[in-house]
Amino acid sequence: MNRSREARAEFSAIPAGDFFRLYGEALVAARSGDRAQAERLMSQIRSRHGSAVSSQYAAIQAQLGQIDQAFAELDNAVAAKDSGLIYLRSDPIFDPIRGDPRYAPLLRKLHFP
């Protein structure tokens, strides 16, 4: 909705270090074009959660416009059986990758309708 300031305020109400705060702040940074901050936050998430949340890394990469990295993370998500993949078809956060020729085959691989 392009309301970064309000989103930052909401995420700041979540305890520091909480996954949802880190993820939300990383998305806001990515959407705001602050690649360094988004990558710093992804690094913090990675140190705590490893590959278990690869679909969230993919979402952040997609928002950064790093489409190849987003698909690499989605491959990691498939290998890790990341439950976040259930949002791949419906969450608008993945809109930046939907036009890529790798998107439809990935949905088929996951047996999405």
Protein backbone atom coordinates (compact mmCIF):
# COMPACT_ATOMS: atom_id res chain seq x y z
CA MET A 1 0.00 0.00 0.00
CA ASN A 2 3.13 2.18 -0.09
CA ARG A 3 2.74 3.30 3.52
CA SER A 4 6.28 2.56 4.66
CA ARG A 5 6.31 4.98 7.57
CA GLU A 6 3.18 3.45 9.06
CA ALA A 7 4.48 -0.07 8.46
CA ARG A 8 7.75 0.75 10.23
CA ALA A 9 5.79 2.08 13.21
CA GLU A 10 3.70 -1.10 13.40
CA PHE A 11 6.73 -3.38 13.17
CA SER A 12 8.55 -1.37 15.84
CA ALA A 13 5.81 -2.40 18.30
CA ILE A 14 6.89 -6.05 17.94
CA PRO A 15 9.74 -7.09 20.26
CA ALA A 16 13.23 -6.58 18.83
CA GLY A 17 14.64 -9.76 17.33
CA ASP A 18 11.22 -11.29 16.70
CA PHE A 19 11.05 -13.01 13.31
CA PHE A 20 7.98 -11.10 12.16
CA ARG A 21 9.55 -7.77 13.06
CA LEU A 22 12.78 -8.59 11.24
CA TYR A 23 10.92 -9.91 8.20
CA GLY A 24 8.54 -6.96 8.10
CA GLU A 25 11.33 -4.44 8.48
CA ALA A 26 13.31 -6.19 5.73
CA LEU A 27 10.31 -5.98 3.40
CA VAL A 28 9.83 -2.30 4.17
CA ALA A 29 13.53 -1.65 3.56
CA ALA A 30 13.40 -3.55 0.27
CA ARG A 31 10.28 -1.72 -0.89
CA SER A 32 11.91 1.57 0.08
CA GLY A 33 15.01 0.76 -1.96
CA ASP A 34 17.29 0.36 1.06
CA ARG A 35 19.13 -2.73 -0.15
CA ALA A 36 21.82 -2.58 2.54
CA GLN A 37 19.24 -2.55 5.36
CA ALA A 38 17.18 -5.32 3.76
CA GLU A 39 20.28 -7.49 3.39
CA ARG A 40 21.41 -6.76 6.95
CA LEU A 41 18.01 -7.83 8.28
CA MET A 42 18.00 -10.93 6.07
CA SER A 43 21.39 -11.82 7.52
CA GLN A 44 19.96 -11.58 11.03
CA ILE A 45 17.03 -13.79 10.06
CA ARG A 46 19.37 -16.29 8.40
CA SER A 47 21.54 -16.53 11.51
CA ARG A 48 18.49 -17.42 13.59
CA HIS A 49 16.32 -19.45 11.22
CA GLY A 50 18.59 -20.79 8.47
CA SER A 51 16.88 -22.20 5.39
CA ALA A 52 13.57 -22.89 7.15
CA VAL A 53 12.21 -19.52 6.02
CA SER A 54 13.65 -19.41 2.51
CA SER A 55 10.31 -18.35 1.04
CA GLN A 56 10.56 -15.15 3.10
CA TYR A 57 14.07 -14.53 1.75
CA ALA A 58 12.59 -15.00 -1.72
CA ALA A 59 9.93 -12.41 -0.98
CA ILE A 60 12.53 -9.90 0.17
CA GLN A 61 14.69 -10.59 -2.88
CA ALA A 62 11.65 -10.18 -5.13
CA GLN A 63 10.93 -6.80 -3.55
CA LEU A 64 14.56 -5.81 -4.11
CA GLY A 65 14.16 -6.71 -7.79
CA GLN A 66 16.72 -9.50 -7.46
CA ILE A 67 14.68 -12.03 -9.39
CA ASP A 68 17.40 -14.65 -9.89
CA GLN A 69 18.15 -14.63 -6.16
CA ALA A 70 14.43 -14.86 -5.40
CA PHE A 71 14.16 -18.02 -7.49
CA ALA A 72 17.30 -19.45 -5.89
CA GLU A 73 15.68 -18.92 -2.49
CA LEU A 74 12.47 -20.53 -3.73
CA ASP A 75 14.50 -23.58 -4.77
CA ASN A 76 15.91 -23.62 -1.22
CA ALA A 77 12.37 -23.30 0.14
CA VAL A 78 11.24 -26.32 -1.87
CA ALA A 79 14.21 -28.36 -0.62
CA ALA A 80 13.54 -27.29 2.99
CA LYS A 81 9.79 -27.95 2.63
CA ASP A 82 9.19 -24.39 3.77
CA SER A 83 5.52 -24.00 4.68
CA GLY A 84 5.66 -20.38 3.50
CA LEU A 85 5.42 -21.66 -0.06
CA ILE A 86 1.65 -21.92 0.39
CA TYR A 87 1.52 -18.14 -0.15
CA LEU A 88 3.44 -18.21 -3.42
CA ARG A 89 0.37 -18.06 -5.62
CA SER A 90 -1.70 -15.56 -3.64
CA ASP A 91 0.55 -13.16 -1.72
CA PRO A 92 1.10 -9.90 -3.64
CA ILE A 93 4.60 -9.71 -2.18
CA PHE A 94 5.55 -12.19 -4.92
CA ASP A 95 4.10 -10.04 -7.73
CA PRO A 96 7.57 -9.04 -9.01
CA ILE A 97 8.34 -12.65 -9.99
CA ARG A 98 5.01 -13.70 -11.47
CA GLY A 99 5.91 -12.66 -15.02
CA ASP A 100 9.14 -14.64 -14.99
CA PRO A 101 9.13 -17.83 -17.09
CA ARG A 102 10.28 -19.85 -14.04
CA TYR A 103 7.16 -18.98 -12.02
CA ALA A 104 4.53 -21.21 -13.71
CA PRO A 105 6.78 -24.31 -13.76
CA LEU A 106 7.46 -23.80 -10.05
CA LEU A 107 3.73 -23.72 -9.33
CA ARG A 108 3.31 -26.93 -11.33
CA LYS A 109 6.19 -28.55 -9.45
CA LEU A 110 4.40 -27.69 -6.20
CA HIS A 111 1.13 -29.08 -7.61
CA PHE A 112 -0.67 -25.75 -7.24
CA PRO A 113 -3.88 -25.47 -9.25
